[in-house]
Structures are given as C-alpha cells and as structure tokens.
Protein backbone atom coordinates (compact mmCIF):
# COMPACT_ATOMS: atom_id res chain seq x y z
CA UNK A 1 0.00 0.00 0.00
CA UNK A 2 1.46 3.36 -1.00
CA UNK A 3 2.18 6.08 1.54
CA UNK A 4 -0.39 8.37 -0.08
CA UNK A 5 -3.09 5.72 0.13
CA UNK A 6 -2.32 5.06 3.82
CA UNK A 7 -2.70 8.77 4.54
CA UNK A 8 -5.99 8.84 2.63
CA UNK A 9 -7.39 5.87 4.57
CA UNK A 10 -6.40 7.50 7.87
CA UNK A 11 -7.89 10.83 6.80
CA UNK A 12 -11.23 9.22 5.93
CA UNK A 13 -11.46 7.00 9.03
CA UNK A 14 -10.56 9.76 11.47
CA UNK A 15 -12.80 12.15 9.55
CA UNK A 16 -15.74 9.79 10.13
CA UNK A 17 -14.94 9.73 13.85
CA UNK A 18 -14.86 13.53 14.00
CA UNK A 19 -18.11 13.75 12.04
CA UNK A 20 -19.76 11.33 14.46
CA UNK A 21 -18.61 13.38 17.44
CA UNK A 22 -19.92 16.58 15.85
CA UNK A 23 -23.33 14.97 15.28
CA UNK A 24 -23.37 13.74 18.87
CA UNK A 25 -22.64 17.23 20.17
CA UNK A 26 -25.45 18.69 18.06
CA UNK A 27 -27.91 16.14 19.44
CA UNK A 28 -26.72 16.67 23.01
CA UNK A 29 -25.84 20.38 23.28
CA UNK A 30 -25.74 20.19 27.08
CA UNK A 31 -22.86 17.69 26.99
CA UNK A 32 -19.44 19.25 27.67
CA UNK A 33 -16.74 19.31 24.96
CA UNK A 34 -14.12 17.46 27.05
CA UNK A 35 -15.57 14.01 26.33
CA UNK A 36 -15.56 14.62 22.58
CA UNK A 37 -11.95 15.84 22.68
CA UNK A 38 -10.88 12.77 24.66
CA UNK A 39 -12.74 10.37 22.36
CA UNK A 40 -11.31 12.09 19.27
CA UNK A 41 -7.77 11.99 20.65
CA UNK A 42 -8.03 8.36 21.69
CA UNK A 43 -9.42 7.40 18.28
CA UNK A 44 -6.57 9.21 16.52
CA UNK A 45 -4.00 7.34 18.62
CA UNK A 46 -5.65 3.94 18.11
CA UNK A 47 -5.85 4.48 14.35
CA UNK A 48 -2.18 5.49 14.26
CA UNK A 49 -1.23 2.31 16.14
CA UNK A 50 -3.29 0.19 13.75
CA UNK A 51 -2.29 1.85 10.47
CA UNK A 52 1.35 2.94 10.95
CA UNK A 53 2.74 -0.63 10.46
CA UNK A 54 1.67 -0.30 6.80
CA UNK A 55 4.49 2.24 6.31
CA UNK A 56 7.98 1.01 5.37
CA UNK A 57 9.23 3.04 8.36
CA UNK A 58 6.44 2.85 10.99
CA UNK A 59 8.03 5.39 13.35
CA UNK A 60 8.10 8.13 10.72
CA UNK A 61 4.69 7.05 9.45
CA UNK A 62 3.11 7.31 12.89
CA UNK A 63 4.54 10.82 13.29
CA UNK A 64 3.12 11.86 9.94
CA UNK A 65 -0.33 10.50 10.80
CA UNK A 66 -0.17 12.20 14.18
CA UNK A 67 0.54 15.53 12.48
CA UNK A 68 -2.39 14.99 10.15
CA UNK A 69 -4.70 14.40 13.11
CA UNK A 70 -3.35 17.36 15.07
CA UNK A 71 -3.31 19.99 12.33
CA UNK A 72 -6.24 18.91 10.10
CA UNK A 73 -8.78 17.00 12.17
CA UNK A 74 -7.97 18.74 15.45
CA UNK A 75 -8.98 22.28 14.43
CA UNK A 76 -12.12 20.97 12.69
CA UNK A 77 -13.28 19.20 15.85
CA UNK A 78 -12.42 22.15 18.10
CA UNK A 79 -14.30 24.63 15.90
CA UNK A 80 -17.35 22.37 15.81
CA UNK A 81 -17.28 22.10 19.61
CA UNK A 82 -16.77 25.88 19.95
CA UNK A 83 -19.97 26.53 17.96
CA UNK A 84 -21.97 24.47 20.46
CA UNK A 85 -20.33 26.04 23.53
CA UNK A 86 -20.67 29.40 25.16
CA UNK A 87 -18.72 31.96 27.13
CA UNK A 88 -15.08 31.37 27.88
CA UNK A 89 -15.24 27.77 26.68
CA UNK A 90 -16.16 28.92 23.18
CA UNK A 91 -13.29 31.40 23.09
CA UNK A 92 -10.83 28.85 24.51
CA UNK A 93 -11.73 26.19 21.96
CA UNK A 94 -11.71 28.67 19.08
CA UNK A 95 -8.37 30.07 20.21
CA UNK A 96 -6.86 26.60 20.44
CA UNK A 97 -8.12 25.74 16.94
CA UNK A 98 -6.60 28.96 15.56
CA UNK A 99 -3.31 28.27 17.35
CA UNK A 100 -3.09 24.79 15.79
CA UNK A 101 -3.72 26.22 12.33
CA UNK A 102 -1.07 28.91 12.75
CA UNK A 103 1.48 26.43 14.14
CA UNK A 104 0.79 24.09 11.22
CA UNK A 105 1.28 26.88 8.67
CA UNK A 106 4.56 27.91 10.31
CA UNK A 107 5.85 24.36 10.75
CA UNK A 108 5.08 23.08 7.25
CA UNK A 109 5.20 26.16 5.02
CA UNK A 110 7.36 28.84 6.68
CA UNK A 111 10.21 27.50 8.81
CA UNK A 112 11.43 24.63 6.57
CA UNK A 113 12.74 27.20 4.04
CA UNK A 114 13.41 30.12 6.40
CA UNK A 115 17.20 29.95 6.28
CA UNK A 116 19.24 31.45 9.10
CA UNK A 117 22.96 32.22 8.97
CA UNK A 118 24.37 31.60 12.44
CA UNK A 119 27.70 33.28 13.09
CA UNK A 120 30.25 32.08 15.62
CA UNK A 121 33.47 33.85 16.66
CA UNK A 122 36.29 31.89 18.30
CA UNK A 123 39.90 32.81 18.96
CA UNK A 124 43.02 30.73 19.54
CA UNK A 125 46.72 31.41 20.12
CA UNK A 126 47.39 28.51 17.74
CA UNK A 127 46.40 30.71 14.78
CA UNK A 128 48.35 33.56 13.19
CA UNK A 129 45.67 34.62 10.71
CA UNK A 130 41.85 34.53 10.51
CA UNK A 131 40.11 31.49 9.05
CA UNK A 132 36.47 31.39 8.00
CA UNK A 133 34.82 27.95 8.18
CA UNK A 134 31.36 27.48 6.68
CA UNK A 135 29.40 24.40 7.76
CA UNK A 136 26.78 23.17 5.29
CA UNK A 137 25.18 20.24 7.08
CA UNK A 138 22.24 17.97 6.29
CA UNK A 139 21.15 19.42 2.95
CA UNK A 140 18.98 16.29 2.91
CA UNK A 141 16.70 17.11 0.01
CA UNK A 142 14.59 14.98 -2.32
CA UNK A 143 13.88 17.83 -4.73
CA UNK A 144 16.82 20.08 -5.63
CA UNK A 145 15.40 23.47 -6.57
CA UNK A 146 15.11 27.13 -5.59
CA UNK A 147 15.68 26.60 -1.87
CA UNK A 148 18.88 24.64 -2.43
CA UNK A 149 20.00 27.35 -4.87
CA UNK A 150 19.40 29.95 -2.15
CA UNK A 151 21.50 27.94 0.30
CA UNK A 152 24.42 27.44 -2.08
CA UNK A 153 24.30 31.11 -3.09
CA UNK A 154 24.58 32.00 0.60
CA UNK A 155 27.67 29.78 0.85
CA UNK A 156 29.27 31.49 -2.16
CA UNK A 157 28.48 34.93 -0.69
CA UNK A 158 30.41 34.06 2.49
CA UNK A 159 33.60 33.33 0.52
CA UNK A 160 34.76 30.65 2.97
CA UNK A 161 38.35 29.61 3.53
CA UNK A 162 37.14 26.09 4.40
CA UNK A 163 33.76 24.55 3.56
CA UNK A 164 32.73 21.49 5.58
CA UNK A 165 29.93 19.12 4.55
CA UNK A 166 29.00 16.83 7.49
CA UNK A 167 26.85 14.40 5.49
CA UNK A 168 23.23 13.76 4.46
CA UNK A 169 23.00 15.28 0.99
CA UNK A 170 20.22 13.56 -0.98
CA UNK A 171 17.45 11.42 0.51
CA UNK A 172 15.61 9.39 -2.09
CA UNK A 173 13.60 6.17 -2.01
CA UNK A 174 15.07 4.71 -5.22
CA UNK A 175 18.49 4.67 -6.86
CA UNK A 176 17.13 6.28 -10.04
CA UNK A 177 15.63 9.16 -8.08
CA UNK A 178 18.88 9.58 -6.14
CA UNK A 179 20.80 9.74 -9.42
CA UNK A 180 18.47 12.45 -10.75
CA UNK A 181 18.72 14.58 -7.62
CA UNK A 182 22.48 14.22 -7.44
CA UNK A 183 22.73 15.30 -11.07
CA UNK A 184 20.61 18.36 -10.29
CA UNK A 185 22.73 19.18 -7.23
CA UNK A 186 25.98 18.83 -9.19
CA UNK A 187 24.67 21.10 -11.93
CA UNK A 188 23.58 23.72 -9.39
CA UNK A 189 26.91 23.47 -7.55
CA UNK A 190 28.81 24.07 -10.80
CA UNK A 191 26.49 26.84 -11.97
CA UNK A 192 26.92 28.82 -8.74
CA UNK A 193 30.65 28.13 -8.49
CA UNK A 194 30.68 26.75 -4.95
CA UNK A 195 34.27 26.62 -3.67
CA UNK A 196 36.52 27.55 -0.76
CA UNK A 197 40.02 28.99 -0.71
CA UNK A 198 41.63 26.12 1.22
CA UNK A 199 39.23 23.38 0.17
CA UNK A 200 35.83 21.74 0.48
CA UNK A 201 35.61 18.57 2.58
CA UNK A 202 32.81 16.01 2.90
CA UNK A 203 31.98 13.03 5.11
CA UNK A 204 29.26 10.39 4.94
CA UNK A 205 25.85 10.76 6.58
CA UNK A 206 22.97 8.38 7.25
CA UNK A 207 21.37 9.25 3.92
CA UNK A 208 24.47 7.89 2.14
CA UNK A 209 24.25 4.48 3.78
CA UNK A 210 23.87 1.86 1.10
CA UNK A 211 25.36 4.16 -1.54
CA UNK A 212 28.88 2.78 -1.74
CA UNK A 213 29.74 5.27 -4.43
CA UNK A 214 28.63 8.33 -2.45
CA UNK A 215 32.15 9.77 -2.56
CA UNK A 216 32.28 9.67 -6.34
CA UNK A 217 29.15 11.84 -6.46
CA UNK A 218 31.47 14.80 -5.77
CA UNK A 219 33.93 13.92 -8.54
CA UNK A 220 34.92 17.00 -10.51
CA UNK A 221 33.47 19.46 -7.98
CA UNK A 222 36.70 20.10 -6.10
CA UNK A 223 35.52 18.29 -2.97
CA UNK A 224 37.81 16.12 -0.83
CA UNK A 225 35.89 13.19 0.65
CA UNK A 226 36.76 11.02 3.65
CA UNK A 227 35.81 7.41 2.84
CA UNK A 228 37.85 6.49 5.92
CA UNK A 229 38.67 8.45 9.04
CA UNK A 230 41.75 10.48 8.20
CA UNK A 231 43.62 13.67 9.04
CA UNK A 232 44.90 16.29 6.58
CA UNK A 233 46.62 19.62 6.86
CA UNK A 234 44.54 22.57 5.65
CA UNK A 235 46.45 25.85 5.91
CA UNK A 236 46.97 26.43 9.63
CA UNK A 237 44.30 23.87 10.49
CA UNK A 238 44.68 20.17 11.14
CA UNK A 239 41.43 18.62 9.89
CA UNK A 240 40.15 15.16 10.81
CA UNK A 241 37.15 13.78 8.92
CA UNK A 242 35.25 10.87 10.47
CA UNK A 243 33.38 7.96 8.96
CA UNK A 244 29.69 7.70 9.81
CA UNK A 245 30.39 4.86 12.23
CA UNK A 246 33.18 6.73 14.02
CA UNK A 247 31.12 9.90 14.28
CA UNK A 248 28.38 8.01 16.12
CA UNK A 249 30.76 6.43 18.62
CA UNK A 250 30.48 8.21 22.01
CA UNK A 251 33.66 6.45 23.15
CA UNK A 252 35.78 7.40 20.14
CA UNK A 253 39.42 8.19 20.86
CA UNK A 254 41.31 10.57 18.58
CA UNK A 255 45.01 11.05 19.21
CA UNK A 256 46.27 14.62 19.77
CA UNK A 257 47.35 16.49 16.64
CA UNK A 258 49.48 19.56 16.10
CA UNK A 259 48.15 23.00 15.21
CA UNK A 260 44.53 24.09 15.55
CA UNK A 261 42.76 20.74 15.36
CA UNK A 262 39.25 20.47 13.87
CA UNK A 263 37.31 17.19 13.91
CA UNK A 264 34.09 16.91 11.94
CA UNK A 265 31.66 14.08 11.39
CA UNK A 266 27.98 13.54 10.76
CA UNK A 267 26.75 12.39 14.19
CA UNK A 268 28.07 14.65 16.98
CA UNK A 269 28.23 11.82 19.55
CA UNK A 270 31.98 11.47 18.92
CA UNK A 271 32.40 14.66 20.96
CA UNK A 272 31.67 12.61 24.10
CA UNK A 273 34.80 10.55 23.51
CA UNK A 274 38.44 11.24 24.27
CA UNK A 275 40.15 13.88 22.14
CA UNK A 276 41.99 17.13 22.60
CA UNK A 277 40.73 18.84 19.44
CA UNK A 278 40.11 22.57 19.52
CA UNK A 279 36.88 22.50 17.51
CA UNK A 280 34.41 19.63 17.02
CA UNK A 281 31.70 19.94 14.36
CA UNK A 282 28.65 17.75 13.69
CA UNK A 283 25.11 17.77 12.37
CA UNK A 284 22.60 14.89 12.13
CA UNK A 285 20.13 16.02 14.80
CA UNK A 286 18.45 18.77 12.71
CA UNK A 287 18.06 20.45 16.09
CA UNK A 288 15.24 17.97 16.62
CA UNK A 289 13.28 19.74 13.83
CA UNK A 290 10.70 20.50 16.52
CA UNK A 291 11.58 22.32 19.72
CA UNK A 292 9.19 22.82 22.63
CA UNK A 293 9.60 26.07 24.60
CA UNK A 294 11.47 25.59 27.91
CA UNK A 295 12.14 21.94 27.01
CA UNK A 296 13.88 21.65 23.68
CA UNK A 297 13.64 18.88 21.09
CA UNK A 298 11.63 15.80 22.16
CA UNK A 299 13.63 13.60 19.76
CA UNK A 300 17.30 14.02 18.75
CA UNK A 301 18.64 10.52 17.87
CA UNK A 302 21.83 11.46 19.70
CA UNK A 303 23.57 10.68 22.98
CA UNK A 304 24.28 14.36 23.51
CA UNK A 305 22.39 16.25 26.21
CA UNK A 306 19.19 17.68 24.80
CA UNK A 307 20.32 21.30 24.96
CA UNK A 308 23.41 20.45 22.88
CA UNK A 309 21.58 18.31 20.35
CA UNK A 310 19.24 21.27 19.80
CA UNK A 311 22.11 23.02 18.04
CA UNK A 312 24.60 25.76 18.82
CA UNK A 313 28.16 26.26 20.01
CA UNK A 314 29.27 24.92 23.38
CA UNK A 315 32.51 25.21 25.33
CA UNK A 316 33.55 21.73 26.42
CA UNK A 317 36.62 22.93 28.28
CA UNK A 318 38.81 26.04 28.09
CA UNK A 319 39.77 26.49 24.45
CA UNK A 320 37.71 23.50 23.22
CA UNK A 321 34.34 23.96 21.52
CA UNK A 322 31.62 21.82 19.97
CA UNK A 323 29.33 23.16 17.26
CA UNK A 324 26.18 21.22 16.35
CA UNK A 325 24.37 22.44 13.25
CA UNK A 326 20.58 22.32 12.94
CA UNK A 327 21.18 21.58 9.27
CA UNK A 328 19.59 22.78 6.07
CA UNK A 329 17.00 20.18 5.15
CA UNK A 330 14.52 17.76 6.68
CA UNK A 331 13.90 14.12 7.34
CA UNK A 332 12.13 12.91 4.19
CA UNK A 333 10.26 9.82 2.97
CA UNK A 334 7.29 9.07 5.27
CA UNK A 335 8.42 11.54 7.95
CA UNK A 336 6.47 14.79 8.38
CA UNK A 337 8.39 17.54 6.54
CA UNK A 338 8.20 20.19 9.24
CA UNK A 339 10.27 22.45 11.45
CA UNK A 340 8.96 24.32 14.46
CA UNK A 341 10.99 26.82 16.49
CA UNK A 342 13.96 25.25 14.77
CA UNK A 343 14.92 27.09 11.61
CA UNK A 344 17.40 25.58 9.14
CA UNK A 345 20.83 27.14 9.42
CA UNK A 346 24.10 27.73 7.66
CA UNK A 347 26.90 28.02 10.22
CA UNK A 348 29.75 30.49 9.70
CA UNK A 349 32.64 30.08 12.15
CA UNK A 350 35.18 32.91 12.23
CA UNK A 351 38.47 31.78 13.77
CA UNK A 352 40.86 34.52 14.79
CA UNK A 353 44.31 34.61 16.42
CA UNK A 354 44.02 34.74 20.20
C-alpha cells in the first residue's frame, strides 16, 4: 500500500470519527466538549497504532499520521465544539483551533525554508591569521530546486576559507531518483561556483548508507571526501574527517594532533569521547526539527544532552568547543516535513588569532 493511500485511509477514518462526534454534540448540546476531545484523541491514537505498520518506516509514518490528526482533524473538531459552547469555553476552543492552524502553517510552510545564517566567533593562540569555516550540514533534500540554490548562493556569498559538509546530501527512495537529484545538485553546484580557498571537505551521513559510491558523487566538484577516518593539513588547520560509524561512537578516541585541530563528522556523539581537538563539528540532529519552549527537542537521535543536540556552540573545556548544526534540510520519505521553532541554518565560524 502506497504512503499516499495510507494517509488517505487514515484521513477518511478519522474524519468519520470527528463527524460522528460533531453529530453527537449537536444532538446533546448540554454535553461538555471534554468528552468529545478525549474520544477524538483516543481514536486518533488507536488508528495510528493500527495503520502505521503499513508504512515502510512505521516510526516516521506514525509521526506523519499524528501531524495529520493534530493539524487537520484537530482544528475541525475544536471549531465544531466551539460553535456548540458558550462563554469562555467557546473562546478557549476557538483560540486553540486557531493556534493549531497557525502552528501548522509555520511548521510546514514557513520554517522549513526560512534559512538562518548563524555566526560564531572563536579565537586561539594557535592561529596567526583569521580562518572562516562554513558548515553546510544535512542538505537532505529529495527535490533540488530554488531553496537549495538559495542555500548554495549564501555559501558562495560568504567566501569561505574552508567549507565542511558533514553528510546527508540527498534522501531518495530509489536509486534512479537519487541519481536524478544528485545530477541536479551537481549542476547547481557548478552553476553557482561553490568553492573555498583552502578546500571543500565532505563526510558520509545516514542518507548515504547503502550508496557505496557516495564519494564519487562529488567527482569534478573540487571536494575532498573522507571514505575512511583520516587527518589532513589545511592551511593552519589540522582537519580530521570521520566515517559515519566513528562519528556516532560516544567512546571514540582521537590522538592529539598539532596545530589548531578540527574534527568533523555527521553524528556529533563522537564529541563525548576522548580527544583534545580545539573544535568539534557535527550535524545529524536537525536540532530535533521540533523544539518545545522551555524543554527543547523531544527527539534528537543522539547521545548528547538535549540542549546540545538542539544546536549551537558549546565550550567543552577552556579552548575547546563543539558546534552542532541544525542543518539545512529535513527528514524525508514518510516523515512529516516540518520544522517548528527550529529554523534551518548555515553556520559560519570565524576563527581569529588569540
């Protein structure tokens, strides 16, 4: 059963439940709205549990169905209940319905393409001249187009000394679709002239798993890839690129290196291991894609503390910093394509002599 058909079945079944609750409220106007809200919520959850196994990835599928219930069926039920209520209850239900609609519009149509350029300034006595590092993490697109052009144009505008790509470039369900999107990305990259003075460097992300030739996708673009964990000298920097497996190892040990040492990998969990690097850089978490005020992201798929996985720059010890990027794109396939209080970001790190 296709993903679209599963969504349609869920939409119809939950729609019938909501319609039945609305009819019940009309026949019993003296009955409070709380029972209808509880029945509607319980029905949505039960349907998700029953239908989500039809998705290839049930976890993402259940999240997508939950979003459909919350942002489509939820406001409809609340507005119907508000019409049959009075006083403060009417205003409360109507306000909640409006809030859900506005959050849905922001999460699905505004924030996913509302790019932020986050700037970080760090200094070190190990440097004798400034170095600008641009971090382009988790492009993770299934449709290369205007938004990706905007992102790459922003990279070019920064004129980086070093451009780091911490994985997750194209997410596609089939090899043919991946080939088409990679071709579009390569063409756009060439058209805009994406480059960096001291080099562009890329590591593998989760989206590249199963694509043994992911490194060759960058052939001819002036990008140095790390098929294995390795260390290279880049101007005054010593740069270590990690494999996907090493980046996700919270007990990883990296031997001390000379100069200003930068380690980057896809999953930032490696920062919990033993190393003396000056700057650690990762992505993967997308900042959670959804952040709850005063709490942070409910889900991060990382061993990092929640406040770190949410994205930003953190001092691990004097002179040592970790930067976790919220990334550019989104989890694709069956997952709900949304961001809330978690804008996509391009990270610009200005290193200066201390």
